[in-house]
PDB file of N, CA and C in Angstrom:
ATOM      1  N   MET A   1     -29.465  29.492   8.176  1.00  0.00           N
ATOM      2  CA  MET A   1     -28.497  29.618   7.355  1.00  0.00           C
ATOM      3  C   MET A   1     -28.628  31.245   6.071  1.00  0.00           C
ATOM      4  N   PRO A   2     -28.694  32.177   6.897  1.00  0.00           N
ATOM      5  CA  PRO A   2     -28.990  33.822   6.514  1.00  0.00           C
ATOM      6  C   PRO A   2     -28.494  33.372   4.987  1.00  0.00           C
ATOM      7  N   LEU A   3     -28.309  33.668   3.970  1.00  0.00           N
ATOM      8  CA  LEU A   3     -27.656  34.293   2.826  1.00  0.00           C
ATOM      9  C   LEU A   3     -28.194  36.476   2.123  1.00  0.00           C
ATOM     10  N   GLY A   4     -28.346  36.427   3.011  1.00  0.00           N
ATOM     11  CA  GLY A   4     -28.428  38.122   2.828  1.00  0.00           C
ATOM     12  C   GLY A   4     -29.793  38.130   2.170  1.00  0.00           C
ATOM     13  N   CYS A   5     -30.918  37.254   1.857  1.00  0.00           N
ATOM     14  CA  CYS A   5     -32.321  37.712   1.842  1.00  0.00           C
ATOM     15  C   CYS A   5     -33.321  37.351   2.851  1.00  0.00           C
ATOM     16  N   SER A   6     -34.271  37.846   2.993  1.00  0.00           N
ATOM     17  CA  SER A   6     -34.774  37.397   4.085  1.00  0.00           C
ATOM     18  C   SER A   6     -36.258  36.289   4.011  1.00  0.00           C
ATOM     19  N   ASP A   7     -36.424  35.558   4.216  1.00  0.00           N
ATOM     20  CA  ASP A   7     -37.608  34.895   4.830  1.00  0.00           C
ATOM     21  C   ASP A   7     -36.919  33.564   3.959  1.00  0.00           C
ATOM     22  N   PHE A   8     -35.448  33.494   3.964  1.00  0.00           N
ATOM     23  CA  PHE A   8     -34.674  32.319   3.466  1.00  0.00           C
ATOM     24  C   PHE A   8     -35.301  31.360   3.991  1.00  0.00           C
ATOM     25  N   ASP A   9     -35.215  30.672   4.090  1.00  0.00           N
ATOM     26  CA  ASP A   9     -36.243  29.394   4.425  1.00  0.00           C
ATOM     27  C   ASP A   9     -37.237  29.016   4.511  1.00  0.00           C
ATOM     28  N   LEU A  10     -38.687  29.825   4.101  1.00  0.00           N
ATOM     29  CA  LEU A  10     -39.912  29.975   3.067  1.00  0.00           C
ATOM     30  C   LEU A  10     -39.345  30.058   1.958  1.00  0.00           C
ATOM     31  N   LYS A  11     -38.273  31.156   1.183  1.00  0.00           N
ATOM     32  CA  LYS A  11     -38.113  30.628  -0.513  1.00  0.00           C
ATOM     33  C   LYS A  11     -37.357  29.228  -0.502  1.00  0.00           C
ATOM     34  N   LEU A  12     -36.642  28.551   0.454  1.00  0.00           N
ATOM     35  CA  LEU A  12     -36.205  27.654   0.449  1.00  0.00           C
ATOM     36  C   LEU A  12     -37.480  26.306  -0.154  1.00  0.00           C
ATOM     37  N   PHE A  13     -37.821  26.411   1.087  1.00  0.00           N
ATOM     38  CA  PHE A  13     -38.633  25.424   2.033  1.00  0.00           C
ATOM     39  C   PHE A  13     -39.478  25.643  -0.216  1.00  0.00           C
ATOM     40  N   GLN A  14     -40.048  26.712  -0.855  1.00  0.00           N
ATOM     41  CA  GLN A  14     -40.422  26.841  -2.050  1.00  0.00           C
ATOM     42  C   GLN A  14     -39.871  26.363  -3.108  1.00  0.00           C
ATOM     43  N   PHE A  15     -38.590  26.644  -3.515  1.00  0.00           N
ATOM     44  CA  PHE A  15     -37.636  26.315  -4.477  1.00  0.00           C
ATOM     45  C   PHE A  15     -38.053  24.157  -4.078  1.00  0.00           C
ATOM     46  N   ALA A  16     -37.623  24.192  -3.024  1.00  0.00           N
ATOM     47  CA  ALA A  16     -37.564  22.663  -2.834  1.00  0.00           C
ATOM     48  C   ALA A  16     -39.261  21.877  -3.050  1.00  0.00           C
ATOM     49  N   ILE A  17     -40.141  22.999  -3.017  1.00  0.00           N
ATOM     50  CA  ILE A  17     -41.826  22.236  -4.011  1.00  0.00           C
ATOM     51  C   ILE A  17     -42.245  21.844  -5.429  1.00  0.00           C
ATOM     52  N   VAL A  18     -41.306  22.905  -5.583  1.00  0.00           N
ATOM     53  CA  VAL A  18     -41.581  23.751  -7.548  1.00  0.00           C
ATOM     54  C   VAL A  18     -40.156  22.236  -7.778  1.00  0.00           C
ATOM     55  N   ALA A  19     -38.735  21.804  -6.634  1.00  0.00           N
ATOM     56  CA  ALA A  19     -38.003  21.096  -7.572  1.00  0.00           C
ATOM     57  C   ALA A  19     -37.901  19.918  -7.641  1.00  0.00           C
ATOM     58  N   TRP A  20     -38.943  19.692  -6.219  1.00  0.00           N
ATOM     59  CA  TRP A  20     -40.022  18.383  -6.512  1.00  0.00           C
ATOM     60  C   TRP A  20     -40.983  18.089  -7.416  1.00  0.00           C
ATOM     61  N   SER A  21     -41.777  18.730  -7.470  1.00  0.00           N
ATOM     62  CA  SER A  21     -43.201  18.998  -8.311  1.00  0.00           C
ATOM     63  C   SER A  21     -42.264  17.936 -10.112  1.00  0.00           C
ATOM     64  N   LEU A  22     -41.780  19.046 -10.537  1.00  0.00           N
ATOM     65  CA  LEU A  22     -40.787  18.705 -11.682  1.00  0.00           C
ATOM     66  C   LEU A  22     -40.714  17.682 -12.443  1.00  0.00           C
ATOM     67  N   TRP A  23     -39.446  16.804 -10.923  1.00  0.00           N
ATOM     68  CA  TRP A  23     -38.693  15.839 -11.129  1.00  0.00           C
ATOM     69  C   TRP A  23     -39.721  14.854 -10.472  1.00  0.00           C
ATOM     70  N   VAL A  24     -41.216  14.607 -10.020  1.00  0.00           N
ATOM     71  CA  VAL A  24     -42.418  13.586 -10.336  1.00  0.00           C
ATOM     72  C   VAL A  24     -43.099  13.825 -11.840  1.00  0.00           C
ATOM     73  N   CYS A  25     -43.369  15.242 -12.433  1.00  0.00           N
ATOM     74  CA  CYS A  25     -43.637  15.363 -13.754  1.00  0.00           C
ATOM     75  C   CYS A  25     -42.732  14.664 -14.662  1.00  0.00           C
ATOM     76  N   ARG A  26     -42.081  14.461 -14.391  1.00  0.00           N
ATOM     77  CA  ARG A  26     -40.635  13.992 -15.705  1.00  0.00           C
ATOM     78  C   ARG A  26     -40.809  13.122 -15.285  1.00  0.00           C
ATOM     79  N   ASN A  27     -41.045  12.019 -13.946  1.00  0.00           N
ATOM     80  CA  ASN A  27     -40.522  10.724 -14.097  1.00  0.00           C
ATOM     81  C   ASN A  27     -42.249  10.072 -14.867  1.00  0.00           C
ATOM     82  N   LYS A  28     -42.497  11.212 -14.522  1.00  0.00           N
ATOM     83  CA  LYS A  28     -44.249  10.402 -14.780  1.00  0.00           C
ATOM     84  C   LYS A  28     -44.350  10.280 -16.294  1.00  0.00           C
ATOM     85  N   MET A  29     -43.637  11.471 -17.261  1.00  0.00           N
ATOM     86  CA  MET A  29     -43.908  11.843 -18.178  1.00  0.00           C
ATOM     87  C   MET A  29     -43.071  10.837 -19.237  1.00  0.00           C
ATOM     88  N   ARG A  30     -42.187   9.921 -18.236  1.00  0.00           N
ATOM     89  CA  ARG A  30     -40.525   9.282 -18.685  1.00  0.00           C
ATOM     90  C   ARG A  30     -41.388   8.118 -19.010  1.00  0.00           C
ATOM     91  N   MET A  31     -41.806   7.401 -17.643  1.00  0.00           N
ATOM     92  CA  MET A  31     -42.400   6.491 -17.855  1.00  0.00           C
ATOM     93  C   MET A  31     -44.472   5.878 -18.570  1.00  0.00           C
ATOM     94  N   GLU A  32     -44.749   7.536 -18.883  1.00  0.00           N
ATOM     95  CA  GLU A  32     -45.678   7.135 -19.867  1.00  0.00           C
ATOM     96  C   GLU A  32     -45.220   7.424 -21.070  1.00  0.00           C
ATOM     97  N   GLY A  33     -44.331   7.908 -21.230  1.00  0.00           N
ATOM     98  CA  GLY A  33     -43.756   7.733 -23.080  1.00  0.00           C
ATOM     99  C   GLY A  33     -43.521   8.610 -23.651  1.00  0.00           C
ATOM    100  N   LYS A  34     -43.640   9.867 -22.657  1.00  0.00           N
ATOM    101  CA  LYS A  34     -44.189  10.873 -23.623  1.00  0.00           C
ATOM    102  C   LYS A  34     -42.571  12.422 -23.261  1.00  0.00           C
ATOM    103  N   PHE A  35     -41.576  11.701 -23.098  1.00  0.00           N
ATOM    104  CA  PHE A  35     -40.518  12.224 -22.961  1.00  0.00           C
ATOM    105  C   PHE A  35     -39.893  12.916 -23.950  1.00  0.00           C
ATOM    106  N   PRO A  36     -39.555  14.199 -23.905  1.00  0.00           N
ATOM    107  CA  PRO A  36     -39.678  14.609 -25.775  1.00  0.00           C
ATOM    108  C   PRO A  36     -38.195  13.918 -25.622  1.00  0.00           C
ATOM    109  N   LYS A  37     -37.657  14.347 -27.015  1.00  0.00           N
ATOM    110  CA  LYS A  37     -36.718  13.399 -27.398  1.00  0.00           C
ATOM    111  C   LYS A  37     -36.139  15.011 -27.111  1.00  0.00           C
ATOM    112  N   TRP A  38     -34.323  14.761 -26.768  1.00  0.00           N
ATOM    113  CA  TRP A  38     -33.958  16.069 -26.592  1.00  0.00           C
ATOM    114  C   TRP A  38     -33.118  15.531 -27.646  1.00  0.00           C
ATOM    115  N   GLU A  39     -32.174  15.374 -28.527  1.00  0.00           N
ATOM    116  CA  GLU A  39     -31.450  14.885 -29.275  1.00  0.00           C
ATOM    117  C   GLU A  39     -32.174  15.548 -31.173  1.00  0.00           C
ATOM    118  N   ILE A  40     -33.025  15.950 -30.207  1.00  0.00           N
ATOM    119  CA  ILE A  40     -33.400  16.624 -31.818  1.00  0.00           C
ATOM    120  C   ILE A  40     -33.149  18.197 -31.720  1.00  0.00           C
ATOM    121  N   LEU A  41     -32.680  18.538 -30.315  1.00  0.00           N
ATOM    122  CA  LEU A  41     -32.142  19.804 -30.270  1.00  0.00           C
ATOM    123  C   LEU A  41     -30.316  20.089 -30.154  1.00  0.00           C
ATOM    124  N   LEU A  42     -29.594  18.637 -31.005  1.00  0.00           N
ATOM    125  CA  LEU A  42     -28.057  18.819 -31.235  1.00  0.00           C
ATOM    126  C   LEU A  42     -28.161  19.508 -32.749  1.00  0.00           C
ATOM    127  N   CYS A  43     -26.582  19.787 -32.568  1.00  0.00           N
ATOM    128  CA  CYS A  43     -26.280  19.645 -33.802  1.00  0.00           C
ATOM    129  C   CYS A  43     -26.267  17.771 -34.448  1.00  0.00           C
ATOM    130  N   ASP A  44     -25.579  17.841 -36.065  1.00  0.00           N
ATOM    131  CA  ASP A  44     -26.136  16.483 -36.961  1.00  0.00           C
ATOM    132  C   ASP A  44     -24.487  15.427 -35.962  1.00  0.00           C
ATOM    133  N   GLU A  45     -23.404  16.622 -36.036  1.00  0.00           N
ATOM    134  CA  GLU A  45     -22.506  16.015 -35.647  1.00  0.00           C
ATOM    135  C   GLU A  45     -22.153  15.339 -33.981  1.00  0.00           C
ATOM    136  N   ASP A  46     -23.160  16.133 -33.578  1.00  0.00           N
ATOM    137  CA  ASP A  46     -23.184  15.587 -31.617  1.00  0.00           C
ATOM    138  C   ASP A  46     -24.071  14.850 -31.920  1.00  0.00           C
ATOM    139  N   ARG A  47     -25.173  15.107 -32.465  1.00  0.00           N
ATOM    140  CA  ARG A  47     -26.567  13.339 -32.686  1.00  0.00           C
ATOM    141  C   ARG A  47     -25.817  12.349 -32.602  1.00  0.00           C
ATOM    142  N   ARG A  48     -25.220  12.375 -33.955  1.00  0.00           N
ATOM    143  CA  ARG A  48     -24.413  10.941 -34.224  1.00  0.00           C
ATOM    144  C   ARG A  48     -23.430  10.874 -33.060  1.00  0.00           C
ATOM    145  N   LYS A  49     -22.587  11.649 -32.369  1.00  0.00           N
ATOM    146  CA  LYS A  49     -21.707  11.105 -31.668  1.00  0.00           C
ATOM    147  C   LYS A  49     -22.758  10.519 -30.056  1.00  0.00           C
ATOM    148  N   LEU A  50     -24.040  11.134 -29.881  1.00  0.00           N
ATOM    149  CA  LEU A  50     -24.870  10.393 -28.924  1.00  0.00           C
ATOM    150  C   LEU A  50     -25.532   9.273 -29.512  1.00  0.00           C
ATOM    151  N   GLY A  51     -25.686   8.640 -30.921  1.00  0.00           N
ATOM    152  CA  GLY A  51     -26.077   7.695 -31.442  1.00  0.00           C
ATOM    153  C   GLY A  51     -24.932   6.695 -30.967  1.00  0.00           C
ATOM    154  N   GLU A  52     -23.787   6.524 -30.765  1.00  0.00           N
ATOM    155  CA  GLU A  52     -22.468   5.753 -31.156  1.00  0.00           C
ATOM    156  C   GLU A  52     -22.602   5.298 -29.373  1.00  0.00           C
ATOM    157  N   CYS A  53     -22.412   6.702 -28.590  1.00  0.00           N
ATOM    158  CA  CYS A  53     -22.593   6.167 -27.900  1.00  0.00           C
ATOM    159  C   CYS A  53     -23.728   5.548 -27.344  1.00  0.00           C
ATOM    160  N   ARG A  54     -25.230   5.468 -27.767  1.00  0.00           N
ATOM    161  CA  ARG A  54     -25.717   4.851 -27.226  1.00  0.00           C
ATOM    162  C   ARG A  54     -25.972   2.792 -27.629  1.00  0.00           C
ATOM    163  N   ASP A  55     -25.424   2.949 -29.344  1.00  0.00           N
ATOM    164  CA  ASP A  55     -25.373   1.878 -29.149  1.00  0.00           C
ATOM    165  C   ASP A  55     -24.232   1.017 -29.193  1.00  0.00           C
ATOM    166  N   CYS A  56     -23.383   1.979 -28.250  1.00  0.00           N
ATOM    167  CA  CYS A  56     -21.840   0.900 -27.558  1.00  0.00           C
ATOM    168  C   CYS A  56     -22.156   0.613 -26.307  1.00  0.00           C
ATOM    169  N   VAL A  57     -23.629   1.386 -25.928  1.00  0.00           N
ATOM    170  CA  VAL A  57     -23.775   1.328 -23.839  1.00  0.00           C
ATOM    171  C   VAL A  57     -25.138  -0.057 -24.589  1.00  0.00           C
ATOM    172  N   ALA A  58     -25.540  -0.409 -25.880  1.00  0.00           N
ATOM    173  CA  ALA A  58     -26.681  -1.128 -25.615  1.00  0.00           C
ATOM    174  C   ALA A  58     -25.672  -2.069 -25.904  1.00  0.00           C
ATOM    175  N   SER A  59     -24.619  -2.747 -27.001  1.00  0.00           N
ATOM    176  CA  SER A  59     -23.958  -3.678 -26.617  1.00  0.00           C
ATOM    177  C   SER A  59     -23.105  -3.893 -26.138  1.00  0.00           C
ATOM    178  N   TRP A  60     -23.283  -3.603 -24.946  1.00  0.00           N
ATOM    179  CA  TRP A  60     -22.477  -3.522 -23.598  1.00  0.00           C
ATOM    180  C   TRP A  60     -23.095  -4.291 -22.676  1.00  0.00           C
ATOM    181  N   THR A  61     -24.148  -3.819 -22.536  1.00  0.00           N
ATOM    182  CA  THR A  61     -25.720  -4.697 -21.818  1.00  0.00           C
ATOM    183  C   THR A  61     -26.223  -6.216 -22.200  1.00  0.00           C
ATOM    184  N   ARG A  62     -26.201  -6.019 -23.939  1.00  0.00           N
ATOM    185  CA  ARG A  62     -26.684  -7.332 -24.429  1.00  0.00           C
ATOM    186  C   ARG A  62     -25.451  -8.227 -24.079  1.00  0.00           C
ATOM    187  N   ASN A  63     -23.979  -7.917 -24.473  1.00  0.00           N
ATOM    188  CA  ASN A  63     -22.555  -9.182 -24.250  1.00  0.00           C
ATOM    189  C   ASN A  63     -22.399  -9.146 -22.658  1.00  0.00           C
ATOM    190  N   PHE A  64     -23.089  -8.812 -21.859  1.00  0.00           N
ATOM    191  CA  PHE A  64     -23.040  -8.868 -20.655  1.00  0.00           C
ATOM    192  C   PHE A  64     -24.351  -9.964 -20.166  1.00  0.00           C
ATOM    193  N   SER A  65     -25.151  -9.854 -20.285  1.00  0.00           N
ATOM    194  CA  SER A  65     -26.071 -10.644 -20.692  1.00  0.00           C
ATOM    195  C   SER A  65     -26.153 -11.920 -21.310  1.00  0.00           C
ATOM    196  N   GLN A  66     -25.672 -12.092 -21.821  1.00  0.00           N
ATOM    197  CA  GLN A  66     -24.478 -13.211 -22.987  1.00  0.00           C
ATOM    198  C   GLN A  66     -24.037 -13.981 -21.968  1.00  0.00           C
ATOM    199  N   LYS A  67     -23.143 -12.768 -21.806  1.00  0.00           N
ATOM    200  CA  LYS A  67     -21.012 -13.488 -20.554  1.00  0.00           C
ATOM    201  C   LYS A  67     -22.089 -14.035 -19.669  1.00  0.00           C
ATOM    202  N   ARG A  68     -23.102 -13.705 -18.915  1.00  0.00           N
ATOM    203  CA  ARG A  68     -23.649 -13.354 -17.505  1.00  0.00           C
ATOM    204  C   ARG A  68     -24.569 -15.208 -17.350  1.00  0.00           C
ATOM    205  N   CYS A  69     -24.223 -15.987 -18.217  1.00  0.00           N
ATOM    206  CA  CYS A  69     -25.791 -16.925 -18.407  1.00  0.00           C
ATOM    207  C   CYS A  69     -24.383 -18.383 -19.217  1.00  0.00           C
ATOM    208  N   THR A  70     -23.010 -18.263 -19.052  1.00  0.00           N
ATOM    209  CA  THR A  70     -22.070 -19.383 -19.187  1.00  0.00           C
ATOM    210  C   THR A  70     -21.383 -20.008 -18.371  1.00  0.00           C
ATOM    211  N   GLY A  71     -21.283 -21.175 -17.950  1.00  0.00           N
ATOM    212  CA  GLY A  71     -21.547 -21.569 -17.288  1.00  0.00           C
ATOM    213  C   GLY A  71     -22.511 -22.831 -15.839  1.00  0.00           C
ATOM    214  N   ALA A  72     -22.626 -23.663 -15.126  1.00  0.00           N
ATOM    215  CA  ALA A  72     -23.590 -24.733 -14.916  1.00  0.00           C
ATOM    216  C   ALA A  72     -23.837 -23.583 -13.386  1.00  0.00           C
ATOM    217  N   ASP A  73     -22.965 -22.947 -12.919  1.00  0.00           N
ATOM    218  CA  ASP A  73     -23.047 -22.445 -11.731  1.00  0.00           C
ATOM    219  C   ASP A  73     -23.727 -20.717 -12.159  1.00  0.00           C
ATOM    220  N   ALA A  74     -23.473 -20.530 -13.042  1.00  0.00           N
ATOM    221  CA  ALA A  74     -24.491 -19.327 -13.583  1.00  0.00           C
ATOM    222  C   ALA A  74     -26.000 -19.476 -13.417  1.00  0.00           C
ATOM    223  N   GLU A  75     -25.896 -20.583 -14.928  1.00  0.00           N
ATOM    224  CA  GLU A  75     -27.018 -21.198 -14.761  1.00  0.00           C
ATOM    225  C   GLU A  75     -28.400 -21.083 -13.355  1.00  0.00           C
ATOM    226  N   GLU A  76     -27.522 -22.396 -12.612  1.00  0.00           N
ATOM    227  CA  GLU A  76     -28.631 -22.469 -11.509  1.00  0.00           C
ATOM    228  C   GLU A  76     -28.641 -20.764 -10.419  1.00  0.00           C
ATOM    229  N   ILE A  77     -27.843 -19.707 -10.722  1.00  0.00           N
ATOM    230  CA  ILE A  77     -28.085 -18.762  -9.797  1.00  0.00           C
ATOM    231  C   ILE A  77     -29.286 -17.708 -11.084  1.00  0.00           C
ATOM    232  N   PHE A  78     -28.802 -17.090 -12.306  1.00  0.00           N
ATOM    233  CA  PHE A  78     -28.732 -16.107 -12.782  1.00  0.00           C
ATOM    234  C   PHE A  78     -30.245 -16.610 -13.315  1.00  0.00           C
ATOM    235  N   CYS A  79     -29.794 -17.783 -13.974  1.00  0.00           N
ATOM    236  CA  CYS A  79     -31.059 -18.115 -15.427  1.00  0.00           C
ATOM    237  C   CYS A  79     -32.162 -18.434 -14.897  1.00  0.00           C
TER     238      CYS A  79
END
C-alpha cells in the first residue's frame, strides 16, 4: 500500500513497534499505580464535571452489585 513514500512497509513496522511499546509501558504503569493523574491538567469546571461522572459511574456499579444478589436464584448463581 504505497502512500507516496519510500520504504512504507518498514516505516509502518517501526510505527507499530513504537505504538506497541508505549501501550505496554502504559499498562505496566497503570498496574503499578504510577499512572499520571491527567485531571490536574483540566480547568476547574472540567475537573468538577469529571468528578461528577466518576461518582455517577461508581454509584451505578454499587447499585448493580447490590441488585445482582436479590432473589433466591440469583444468590445461588452469582453470590
